[in-house]
Amino acid sequence: MAEEEPEAEVGQAADRSGLGAVAAFGQSLKTLRVRAGMEREEFGKRLGYSASTIASFEQGRRIPPPKAIDRADELLDAGGLLKVWKDQLERAQYPAFFQGMAQLEKQAIELLMYDTMVVNGLLQTEEYMRALLDMRRPPLDEETIEQRVTARLVRQDIFDRRPAPLLSFVMDESVIRHRYGGKEVLRGQLEHLLLIGQRRNVELQVMPTDCEDNAGVNGPFTVVTRKDGKKFLYVEAQNTSSMATDPEQTVLASARYGIIRSQALAPQESLAFIEKLLGEL
């Protein structure tokens, strides 16, 4: 038990640090808005948000997206005082245990992802995200849900990055059968998978439940290869995570992933399988 305490303390410290950055940004935003002589309603209209949303930004209850921060900096003639917060605010959007992985995704040239419980965050529709976050126990407050949804959607910019990273997803059949959020949410999610699966830099595969051999029985994991060639093994469970950089572990994980891919349905077979499930809804 004692061995876990330092990791928990680090996570709590990161969470506190993130909350502090969000609060400090909000105070700066309010100070600059008042200095500019703008009411929240006017500022919000020019920024594309309601006055209540501006209030939530200023009170540190919500984190504005990067484009909104850039626009606010220009509107308030802040001279970059708001833009300097962007990196810290981006990290604060994620739970402390995921912040390192979020940064790695931005540097990745290859991602190998095996999932056994839910659709990978990079593949989730907004409706599916909200369904999952609504099911969390203890319940998440609305501001946190909005923050997590926004952050997850921003991560999906990876599909449009140039040069395009190589993205491989293998998911258990049970993942795409769970009706989280209801039939219509699942329908939208399956349709989204069919679209994403047609991208040239994406390979999407299903591990059928009737498969008698599965090298992924130890659970979900992700192998990230960075631009400099360094590999990372990321494993997440129960709001905790581990990141390994030891070459032996990362090479073995890559090899294990290769075996999992060979055992799963081929990409075209997988898309046909998803289409069949969609037709059965």
C-alpha atoms as a PDB file:
ATOM      1  CA  MET A   1       0.000   0.000   0.000  1.00  0.00           C
ATOM      2  CA  ALA A   2       2.804   2.368   0.915  1.00  0.00           C
ATOM      3  CA  GLU A   3       4.318   2.015  -2.539  1.00  0.00           C
ATOM      4  CA  GLU A   4       1.196   3.559  -4.117  1.00  0.00           C
ATOM      5  CA  GLU A   5       1.093   6.649  -1.918  1.00  0.00           C
ATOM      6  CA  PRO A   6       3.806   8.712  -3.707  1.00  0.00           C
ATOM      7  CA  GLU A   7       2.010   8.195  -7.064  1.00  0.00           C
ATOM      8  CA  ALA A   8      -1.301   9.275  -5.514  1.00  0.00           C
ATOM      9  CA  GLU A   9       0.352  12.341  -4.002  1.00  0.00           C
ATOM     10  CA  VAL A  10       1.868  13.286  -7.355  1.00  0.00           C
ATOM     11  CA  GLY A  11      -1.543  12.959  -9.006  1.00  0.00           C
ATOM     12  CA  GLN A  12      -3.207  15.116  -6.356  1.00  0.00           C
ATOM     13  CA  ALA A  13      -0.446  17.730  -6.651  1.00  0.00           C
ATOM     14  CA  ALA A  14      -0.910  17.837 -10.439  1.00  0.00           C
ATOM     15  CA  ASP A  15      -4.657  18.257 -10.017  1.00  0.00           C
ATOM     16  CA  ARG A  16      -4.155  21.117  -7.551  1.00  0.00           C
ATOM     17  CA  SER A  17      -1.611  22.742  -9.847  1.00  0.00           C
ATOM     18  CA  GLY A  18      -4.038  22.490 -12.760  1.00  0.00           C
ATOM     19  CA  LEU A  19      -6.882  24.027 -10.774  1.00  0.00           C
ATOM     20  CA  GLY A  20      -4.583  26.842  -9.710  1.00  0.00           C
ATOM     21  CA  ALA A  21      -3.638  27.601 -13.310  1.00  0.00           C
ATOM     22  CA  VAL A  22      -7.295  27.638 -14.386  1.00  0.00           C
ATOM     23  CA  ALA A  23      -8.215  30.001 -11.540  1.00  0.00           C
ATOM     24  CA  ALA A  24      -5.273  32.322 -12.271  1.00  0.00           C
ATOM     25  CA  PHE A  25      -6.155  32.458 -15.964  1.00  0.00           C
ATOM     26  CA  GLY A  26      -9.763  33.296 -15.096  1.00  0.00           C
ATOM     27  CA  GLN A  27      -8.677  36.160 -12.861  1.00  0.00           C
ATOM     28  CA  SER A  28      -6.389  37.511 -15.598  1.00  0.00           C
ATOM     29  CA  LEU A  29      -9.188  37.276 -18.154  1.00  0.00           C
ATOM     30  CA  LYS A  30     -11.591  39.182 -15.922  1.00  0.00           C
ATOM     31  CA  THR A  31      -9.009  41.869 -15.091  1.00  0.00           C
ATOM     32  CA  LEU A  32      -8.222  42.447 -18.764  1.00  0.00           C
ATOM     33  CA  ARG A  33     -11.925  42.501 -19.722  1.00  0.00           C
ATOM     34  CA  VAL A  34     -12.737  45.064 -17.038  1.00  0.00           C
ATOM     35  CA  ARG A  35      -9.705  47.123 -18.057  1.00  0.00           C
ATOM     36  CA  ALA A  36     -11.020  47.108 -21.640  1.00  0.00           C
ATOM     37  CA  GLY A  37     -14.385  48.385 -20.398  1.00  0.00           C
ATOM     38  CA  MET A  38     -16.349  45.436 -21.771  1.00  0.00           C
ATOM     39  CA  GLU A  39     -19.320  43.806 -20.095  1.00  0.00           C
ATOM     40  CA  ARG A  40     -19.464  40.026 -20.127  1.00  0.00           C
ATOM     41  CA  GLU A  41     -22.349  40.008 -22.583  1.00  0.00           C
ATOM     42  CA  GLU A  42     -20.537  42.203 -25.112  1.00  0.00           C
ATOM     43  CA  PHE A  43     -17.271  40.309 -24.716  1.00  0.00           C
ATOM     44  CA  GLY A  44     -19.072  36.991 -25.032  1.00  0.00           C
ATOM     45  CA  LYS A  45     -20.871  38.085 -28.174  1.00  0.00           C
ATOM     46  CA  ARG A  46     -17.593  39.094 -29.809  1.00  0.00           C
ATOM     47  CA  LEU A  47     -15.928  35.871 -28.684  1.00  0.00           C
ATOM     48  CA  GLY A  48     -18.866  33.659 -29.657  1.00  0.00           C
ATOM     49  CA  TYR A  49     -20.008  32.654 -26.157  1.00  0.00           C
ATOM     50  CA  SER A  50     -22.834  33.522 -23.792  1.00  0.00           C
ATOM     51  CA  ALA A  51     -22.272  35.839 -20.818  1.00  0.00           C
ATOM     52  CA  SER A  52     -22.728  32.863 -18.473  1.00  0.00           C
ATOM     53  CA  THR A  53     -19.976  30.938 -20.254  1.00  0.00           C
ATOM     54  CA  ILE A  54     -17.642  33.929 -19.965  1.00  0.00           C
ATOM     55  CA  ALA A  55     -18.446  33.975 -16.252  1.00  0.00           C
ATOM     56  CA  SER A  56     -17.534  30.286 -15.982  1.00  0.00           C
ATOM     57  CA  PHE A  57     -14.200  30.999 -17.726  1.00  0.00           C
ATOM     58  CA  GLU A  58     -13.448  33.866 -15.344  1.00  0.00           C
ATOM     59  CA  GLN A  59     -14.441  31.876 -12.272  1.00  0.00           C
ATOM     60  CA  GLY A  60     -12.229  28.947 -13.266  1.00  0.00           C
ATOM     61  CA  ARG A  61     -15.130  26.528 -13.751  1.00  0.00           C
ATOM     62  CA  ARG A  62     -14.489  25.954 -17.465  1.00  0.00           C
ATOM     63  CA  ILE A  63     -11.417  26.049 -19.682  1.00  0.00           C
ATOM     64  CA  PRO A  64     -11.723  27.886 -23.014  1.00  0.00           C
ATOM     65  CA  PRO A  65     -10.354  26.143 -26.118  1.00  0.00           C
ATOM     66  CA  PRO A  66      -7.017  27.394 -27.530  1.00  0.00           C
ATOM     67  CA  LYS A  67      -8.646  29.349 -30.389  1.00  0.00           C
ATOM     68  CA  ALA A  68     -10.866  31.203 -27.914  1.00  0.00           C
ATOM     69  CA  ILE A  69      -7.812  32.139 -25.829  1.00  0.00           C
ATOM     70  CA  ASP A  70      -6.068  33.530 -28.922  1.00  0.00           C
ATOM     71  CA  ARG A  71      -9.165  35.516 -29.881  1.00  0.00           C
ATOM     72  CA  ALA A  72      -9.621  36.833 -26.332  1.00  0.00           C
ATOM     73  CA  ASP A  73      -5.991  37.962 -26.269  1.00  0.00           C
ATOM     74  CA  GLU A  74      -6.592  39.956 -29.459  1.00  0.00           C
ATOM     75  CA  LEU A  75      -9.955  41.417 -28.391  1.00  0.00           C
ATOM     76  CA  LEU A  76      -8.590  42.570 -25.042  1.00  0.00           C
ATOM     77  CA  ASP A  77      -5.293  43.792 -26.498  1.00  0.00           C
ATOM     78  CA  ALA A  78      -3.523  41.607 -23.941  1.00  0.00           C
ATOM     79  CA  GLY A  79      -0.221  41.472 -25.793  1.00  0.00           C
ATOM     80  CA  GLY A  80       0.144  37.731 -25.252  1.00  0.00           C
ATOM     81  CA  LEU A  81      -0.641  37.741 -21.515  1.00  0.00           C
ATOM     82  CA  LEU A  82      -3.484  35.256 -22.055  1.00  0.00           C
ATOM     83  CA  LYS A  83      -1.721  33.135 -24.680  1.00  0.00           C
ATOM     84  CA  VAL A  84       1.067  32.233 -22.253  1.00  0.00           C
ATOM     85  CA  TRP A  85      -1.458  30.190 -20.264  1.00  0.00           C
ATOM     86  CA  LYS A  86      -2.386  27.898 -23.180  1.00  0.00           C
ATOM     87  CA  ASP A  87       0.002  25.025 -22.415  1.00  0.00           C
ATOM     88  CA  GLN A  88      -0.877  24.916 -18.721  1.00  0.00           C
ATOM     89  CA  LEU A  89      -4.596  25.106 -19.441  1.00  0.00           C
ATOM     90  CA  GLU A  90      -4.347  22.348 -22.018  1.00  0.00           C
ATOM     91  CA  ARG A  91      -2.731  20.043 -19.455  1.00  0.00           C
ATOM     92  CA  ALA A  92      -5.333  21.021 -16.850  1.00  0.00           C
ATOM     93  CA  GLN A  93      -8.139  19.807 -19.132  1.00  0.00           C
ATOM     94  CA  TYR A  94      -7.049  16.220 -18.537  1.00  0.00           C
ATOM     95  CA  PRO A  95      -7.029  14.140 -15.348  1.00  0.00           C
ATOM     96  CA  ALA A  96      -3.568  14.172 -13.789  1.00  0.00           C
ATOM     97  CA  PHE A  97      -2.978  10.505 -14.693  1.00  0.00           C
ATOM     98  CA  PHE A  98      -3.528  11.220 -18.410  1.00  0.00           C
ATOM     99  CA  GLN A  99      -1.591  14.468 -18.858  1.00  0.00           C
ATOM    100  CA  GLY A 100       1.655  12.778 -19.910  1.00  0.00           C
ATOM    101  CA  MET A 101      -0.120  10.613 -22.468  1.00  0.00           C
ATOM    102  CA  ALA A 102      -1.952  13.621 -23.920  1.00  0.00           C
ATOM    103  CA  GLN A 103       1.397  15.286 -24.599  1.00  0.00           C
ATOM    104  CA  LEU A 104       2.843  12.110 -26.119  1.00  0.00           C
ATOM    105  CA  GLU A 105      -0.065  11.802 -28.553  1.00  0.00           C
ATOM    106  CA  LYS A 106       0.908  15.161 -30.028  1.00  0.00           C
ATOM    107  CA  GLN A 107       4.444  13.896 -30.731  1.00  0.00           C
ATOM    108  CA  ALA A 108       3.504  10.419 -31.959  1.00  0.00           C
ATOM    109  CA  ILE A 109       4.297   9.077 -35.410  1.00  0.00           C
ATOM    110  CA  GLU A 110       2.632   5.753 -34.520  1.00  0.00           C
ATOM    111  CA  LEU A 111      -0.002   4.700 -31.992  1.00  0.00           C
ATOM    112  CA  LEU A 112      -0.906   1.054 -31.340  1.00  0.00           C
ATOM    113  CA  MET A 113      -4.029   0.753 -29.162  1.00  0.00           C
ATOM    114  CA  TYR A 114      -5.770  -2.313 -27.754  1.00  0.00           C
ATOM    115  CA  ASP A 115      -9.083  -1.713 -25.932  1.00  0.00           C
ATOM    116  CA  THR A 116     -11.289  -4.122 -24.016  1.00  0.00           C
ATOM    117  CA  MET A 117     -13.812  -1.984 -22.112  1.00  0.00           C
ATOM    118  CA  VAL A 118     -14.902   1.063 -24.111  1.00  0.00           C
ATOM    119  CA  VAL A 119     -14.254   2.588 -27.523  1.00  0.00           C
ATOM    120  CA  ASN A 120     -10.884   4.353 -27.556  1.00  0.00           C
ATOM    121  CA  GLY A 121     -11.145   8.064 -26.714  1.00  0.00           C
ATOM    122  CA  LEU A 122      -9.704   9.028 -30.090  1.00  0.00           C
ATOM    123  CA  LEU A 123     -12.608   7.231 -31.791  1.00  0.00           C
ATOM    124  CA  GLN A 124     -15.495   8.321 -29.569  1.00  0.00           C
ATOM    125  CA  THR A 125     -18.395  10.473 -30.750  1.00  0.00           C
ATOM    126  CA  GLU A 126     -19.403  13.353 -28.496  1.00  0.00           C
ATOM    127  CA  GLU A 127     -22.626  11.562 -27.541  1.00  0.00           C
ATOM    128  CA  TYR A 128     -20.708   8.421 -26.584  1.00  0.00           C
ATOM    129  CA  MET A 129     -18.264  10.505 -24.517  1.00  0.00           C
ATOM    130  CA  ARG A 130     -21.090  12.133 -22.593  1.00  0.00           C
ATOM    131  CA  ALA A 131     -22.755   8.774 -21.970  1.00  0.00           C
ATOM    132  CA  LEU A 132     -19.549   7.371 -20.471  1.00  0.00           C
ATOM    133  CA  LEU A 133     -18.873  10.456 -18.350  1.00  0.00           C
ATOM    134  CA  ASP A 134     -22.468  10.503 -17.091  1.00  0.00           C
ATOM    135  CA  MET A 135     -22.008   6.939 -15.816  1.00  0.00           C
ATOM    136  CA  ARG A 136     -19.021   7.779 -13.636  1.00  0.00           C
ATOM    137  CA  ARG A 137     -19.368   7.076  -9.921  1.00  0.00           C
ATOM    138  CA  PRO A 138     -19.009   9.188  -7.931  1.00  0.00           C
ATOM    139  CA  PRO A 139     -20.749  11.500 -10.417  1.00  0.00           C
ATOM    140  CA  LEU A 140     -18.764  14.216 -12.187  1.00  0.00           C
ATOM    141  CA  ASP A 141     -20.024  17.796 -12.034  1.00  0.00           C
ATOM    142  CA  GLU A 142     -21.233  19.404 -15.254  1.00  0.00           C
ATOM    143  CA  GLU A 143     -18.195  21.682 -15.588  1.00  0.00           C
ATOM    144  CA  THR A 144     -15.834  18.701 -15.398  1.00  0.00           C
ATOM    145  CA  ILE A 145     -17.867  16.790 -17.976  1.00  0.00           C
ATOM    146  CA  GLU A 146     -17.765  19.742 -20.382  1.00  0.00           C
ATOM    147  CA  GLN A 147     -14.041  20.108 -19.791  1.00  0.00           C
ATOM    148  CA  ARG A 148     -13.361  16.406 -20.465  1.00  0.00           C
ATOM    149  CA  VAL A 149     -15.528  16.375 -23.605  1.00  0.00           C
ATOM    150  CA  THR A 150     -13.785  19.453 -25.008  1.00  0.00           C
ATOM    151  CA  ALA A 151     -10.357  17.968 -24.277  1.00  0.00           C
ATOM    152  CA  ARG A 152     -11.222  14.624 -25.858  1.00  0.00           C
ATOM    153  CA  LEU A 153     -12.536  16.287 -29.009  1.00  0.00           C
ATOM    154  CA  VAL A 154      -9.352  18.374 -29.285  1.00  0.00           C
ATOM    155  CA  ARG A 155      -7.290  15.161 -29.118  1.00  0.00           C
ATOM    156  CA  GLN A 156      -9.076  13.928 -32.226  1.00  0.00           C
ATOM    157  CA  ASP A 157      -7.270  16.571 -34.257  1.00  0.00           C
ATOM    158  CA  ILE A 158      -4.643  13.835 -34.580  1.00  0.00           C
ATOM    159  CA  PHE A 159      -6.582  12.443 -37.553  1.00  0.00           C
ATOM    160  CA  ASP A 160      -5.999  15.631 -39.549  1.00  0.00           C
ATOM    161  CA  ARG A 161      -2.364  16.149 -38.566  1.00  0.00           C
ATOM    162  CA  ARG A 162       0.218  16.426 -41.337  1.00  0.00           C
ATOM    163  CA  PRO A 163       2.291  14.372 -41.735  1.00  0.00           C
ATOM    164  CA  ALA A 164      -0.323  11.839 -40.690  1.00  0.00           C
ATOM    165  CA  PRO A 165       0.690   9.464 -37.883  1.00  0.00           C
ATOM    166  CA  LEU A 166       0.024   5.741 -38.287  1.00  0.00           C
ATOM    167  CA  LEU A 167      -2.911   4.760 -36.071  1.00  0.00           C
ATOM    168  CA  SER A 168      -3.845   1.161 -35.290  1.00  0.00           C
ATOM    169  CA  PHE A 169      -6.837   0.230 -33.127  1.00  0.00           C
ATOM    170  CA  VAL A 170      -7.841  -3.250 -32.036  1.00  0.00           C
ATOM    171  CA  MET A 171     -10.947  -3.575 -29.850  1.00  0.00           C
ATOM    172  CA  ASP A 172     -12.767  -6.514 -28.374  1.00  0.00           C
ATOM    173  CA  GLU A 173     -16.132  -7.324 -29.937  1.00  0.00           C
ATOM    174  CA  SER A 174     -17.807  -6.651 -26.579  1.00  0.00           C
ATOM    175  CA  VAL A 175     -16.681  -3.013 -26.811  1.00  0.00           C
ATOM    176  CA  ILE A 176     -18.866  -2.353 -29.837  1.00  0.00           C
ATOM    177  CA  ARG A 177     -21.813  -4.334 -28.478  1.00  0.00           C
ATOM    178  CA  HIS A 178     -22.266  -2.399 -25.214  1.00  0.00           C
ATOM    179  CA  ARG A 179     -25.193   0.003 -25.630  1.00  0.00           C
ATOM    180  CA  TYR A 180     -23.754   2.741 -23.447  1.00  0.00           C
ATOM    181  CA  GLY A 181     -26.123   5.698 -23.650  1.00  0.00           C
ATOM    182  CA  GLY A 182     -28.734   3.698 -25.567  1.00  0.00           C
ATOM    183  CA  LYS A 183     -29.268   2.287 -29.028  1.00  0.00           C
ATOM    184  CA  GLU A 184     -29.033   5.610 -30.887  1.00  0.00           C
ATOM    185  CA  VAL A 185     -25.753   6.543 -29.203  1.00  0.00           C
ATOM    186  CA  LEU A 186     -24.291   3.178 -30.210  1.00  0.00           C
ATOM    187  CA  ARG A 187     -25.647   3.573 -33.728  1.00  0.00           C
ATOM    188  CA  GLY A 188     -23.880   6.918 -34.102  1.00  0.00           C
ATOM    189  CA  GLN A 189     -20.693   5.451 -32.655  1.00  0.00           C
ATOM    190  CA  LEU A 190     -20.661   2.519 -35.058  1.00  0.00           C
ATOM    191  CA  GLU A 191     -21.298   4.824 -38.019  1.00  0.00           C
ATOM    192  CA  HIS A 192     -18.374   6.959 -36.870  1.00  0.00           C
ATOM    193  CA  LEU A 193     -16.106   3.907 -36.648  1.00  0.00           C
ATOM    194  CA  LEU A 194     -16.977   2.996 -40.238  1.00  0.00           C
ATOM    195  CA  LEU A 195     -15.964   6.475 -41.406  1.00  0.00           C
ATOM    196  CA  ILE A 196     -12.723   6.602 -39.416  1.00  0.00           C
ATOM    197  CA  GLY A 197     -11.830   3.075 -40.503  1.00  0.00           C
ATOM    198  CA  GLN A 198     -11.711   4.200 -44.133  1.00  0.00           C
ATOM    199  CA  ARG A 199      -8.887   6.675 -43.528  1.00  0.00           C
ATOM    200  CA  ARG A 200      -5.610   5.701 -45.159  1.00  0.00           C
ATOM    201  CA  ASN A 201      -3.539   6.143 -41.990  1.00  0.00           C
ATOM    202  CA  VAL A 202      -5.977   4.196 -39.793  1.00  0.00           C
ATOM    203  CA  GLU A 203      -6.293   0.449 -39.277  1.00  0.00           C
ATOM    204  CA  LEU A 204      -9.279  -0.582 -37.211  1.00  0.00           C
ATOM    205  CA  GLN A 205      -9.718  -4.221 -36.177  1.00  0.00           C
ATOM    206  CA  VAL A 206     -12.157  -6.226 -34.070  1.00  0.00           C
ATOM    207  CA  MET A 207     -11.161  -9.136 -31.837  1.00  0.00           C
ATOM    208  CA  PRO A 208     -14.173 -11.484 -32.025  1.00  0.00           C
ATOM    209  CA  THR A 209     -15.449 -13.079 -28.829  1.00  0.00           C
ATOM    210  CA  ASP A 210     -15.341 -16.532 -30.422  1.00  0.00           C
ATOM    211  CA  CYS A 211     -11.576 -16.220 -30.959  1.00  0.00           C
ATOM    212  CA  GLU A 212      -9.958 -19.118 -29.084  1.00  0.00           C
ATOM    213  CA  ASP A 213      -6.531 -17.454 -28.799  1.00  0.00           C
ATOM    214  CA  ASN A 214      -5.964 -13.866 -27.648  1.00  0.00           C
ATOM    215  CA  ALA A 215      -2.567 -12.465 -26.671  1.00  0.00           C
ATOM    216  CA  GLY A 216      -4.316  -9.464 -25.100  1.00  0.00           C
ATOM    217  CA  VAL A 217      -5.856 -11.270 -22.130  1.00  0.00           C
ATOM    218  CA  ASN A 218      -3.833  -9.103 -19.714  1.00  0.00           C
ATOM    219  CA  GLY A 219      -5.905  -6.083 -20.691  1.00  0.00           C
ATOM    220  CA  PRO A 220      -5.792  -2.833 -22.679  1.00  0.00           C
ATOM    221  CA  PHE A 221      -2.584  -0.949 -23.467  1.00  0.00           C
ATOM    222  CA  THR A 222      -1.115   1.573 -25.871  1.00  0.00           C
ATOM    223  CA  VAL A 223       2.319   1.689 -27.479  1.00  0.00           C
ATOM    224  CA  VAL A 224       3.436   5.135 -28.618  1.00  0.00           C
ATOM    225  CA  THR A 225       6.368   5.753 -30.962  1.00  0.00           C
ATOM    226  CA  ARG A 226       7.645   9.312 -30.834  1.00  0.00           C
ATOM    227  CA  LYS A 227       9.239  11.206 -33.721  1.00  0.00           C
ATOM    228  CA  ASP A 228      12.703  10.457 -32.357  1.00  0.00           C
ATOM    229  CA  GLY A 229      11.947   6.726 -32.466  1.00  0.00           C
ATOM    230  CA  LYS A 230      11.572   6.282 -28.707  1.00  0.00           C
ATOM    231  CA  LYS A 231       8.742   3.973 -27.651  1.00  0.00           C
ATOM    232  CA  PHE A 232       6.449   4.268 -24.624  1.00  0.00           C
ATOM    233  CA  LEU A 233       4.064   1.725 -23.091  1.00  0.00           C
ATOM    234  CA  TYR A 234       0.959   3.308 -21.534  1.00  0.00           C
ATOM    235  CA  VAL A 235      -1.488   1.352 -19.360  1.00  0.00           C
ATOM    236  CA  GLU A 236      -4.540   2.856 -17.663  1.00  0.00           C
ATOM    237  CA  ALA A 237      -7.063   1.474 -15.162  1.00  0.00           C
ATOM    238  CA  GLN A 238      -9.265   2.796 -12.348  1.00  0.00           C
ATOM    239  CA  ASN A 239      -8.138   6.431 -12.766  1.00  0.00           C
ATOM    240  CA  THR A 240      -4.469   5.521 -12.469  1.00  0.00           C
ATOM    241  CA  SER A 241      -1.878   4.954 -15.158  1.00  0.00           C
ATOM    242  CA  SER A 242       1.672   3.804 -15.759  1.00  0.00           C
ATOM    243  CA  MET A 243       4.127   4.848 -18.446  1.00  0.00           C
ATOM    244  CA  ALA A 244       7.066   2.578 -19.224  1.00  0.00           C
ATOM    245  CA  THR A 245      10.066   3.531 -21.361  1.00  0.00           C
ATOM    246  CA  ASP A 246      12.234   0.489 -20.684  1.00  0.00           C
ATOM    247  CA  PRO A 247      13.217  -0.862 -24.150  1.00  0.00           C
ATOM    248  CA  GLU A 248      12.561  -4.466 -23.150  1.00  0.00           C
ATOM    249  CA  GLN A 249       8.990  -3.687 -22.036  1.00  0.00           C
ATOM    250  CA  THR A 250       8.156  -1.496 -25.020  1.00  0.00           C
ATOM    251  CA  VAL A 251       9.589  -3.928 -27.588  1.00  0.00           C
ATOM    252  CA  LEU A 252       7.728  -6.848 -26.028  1.00  0.00           C
ATOM    253  CA  ALA A 253       4.500  -4.813 -25.941  1.00  0.00           C
ATOM    254  CA  SER A 254       4.906  -3.968 -29.645  1.00  0.00           C
ATOM    255  CA  ALA A 255       5.470  -7.643 -30.418  1.00  0.00           C
ATOM    256  CA  ARG A 256       2.449  -8.628 -28.350  1.00  0.00           C
ATOM    257  CA  TYR A 257       0.360  -6.074 -30.207  1.00  0.00           C
ATOM    258  CA  GLY A 258       1.486  -7.581 -33.499  1.00  0.00           C
ATOM    259  CA  ILE A 259       0.248 -10.998 -32.342  1.00  0.00           C
ATOM    260  CA  ILE A 260      -3.081  -9.468 -31.256  1.00  0.00           C
ATOM    261  CA  ARG A 261      -3.502  -7.893 -34.696  1.00  0.00           C
ATOM    262  CA  SER A 262      -2.849 -11.230 -36.387  1.00  0.00           C
ATOM    263  CA  GLN A 263      -5.497 -12.897 -34.206  1.00  0.00           C
ATOM    264  CA  ALA A 264      -8.151 -10.226 -34.784  1.00  0.00           C
ATOM    265  CA  LEU A 265     -10.305  -9.824 -37.874  1.00  0.00           C
ATOM    266  CA  ALA A 266      -8.527  -8.079 -40.749  1.00  0.00           C
ATOM    267  CA  PRO A 267      -9.386  -4.371 -41.234  1.00  0.00           C
ATOM    268  CA  GLN A 268     -11.840  -4.954 -44.097  1.00  0.00           C
ATOM    269  CA  GLU A 269     -13.427  -7.897 -42.279  1.00  0.00           C
ATOM    270  CA  SER A 270     -13.706  -5.719 -39.183  1.00  0.00           C
ATOM    271  CA  LEU A 271     -15.505  -2.928 -41.025  1.00  0.00           C
ATOM    272  CA  ALA A 272     -17.884  -5.498 -42.504  1.00  0.00           C
ATOM    273  CA  PHE A 273     -18.462  -6.881 -39.000  1.00  0.00           C
ATOM    274  CA  ILE A 274     -19.247  -3.389 -37.643  1.00  0.00           C
ATOM    275  CA  GLU A 275     -21.597  -2.757 -40.559  1.00  0.00           C
ATOM    276  CA  LYS A 276     -23.402  -6.014 -39.767  1.00  0.00           C
ATOM    277  CA  LEU A 277     -23.802  -4.994 -36.113  1.00  0.00           C
ATOM    278  CA  LEU A 278     -25.135  -1.628 -37.242  1.00  0.00           C
ATOM    279  CA  GLY A 279     -27.732  -3.348 -39.405  1.00  0.00           C
ATOM    280  CA  GLU A 280     -28.898  -5.399 -36.412  1.00  0.00           C
ATOM    281  CA  LEU A 281     -29.650  -2.349 -34.240  1.00  0.00           C
END
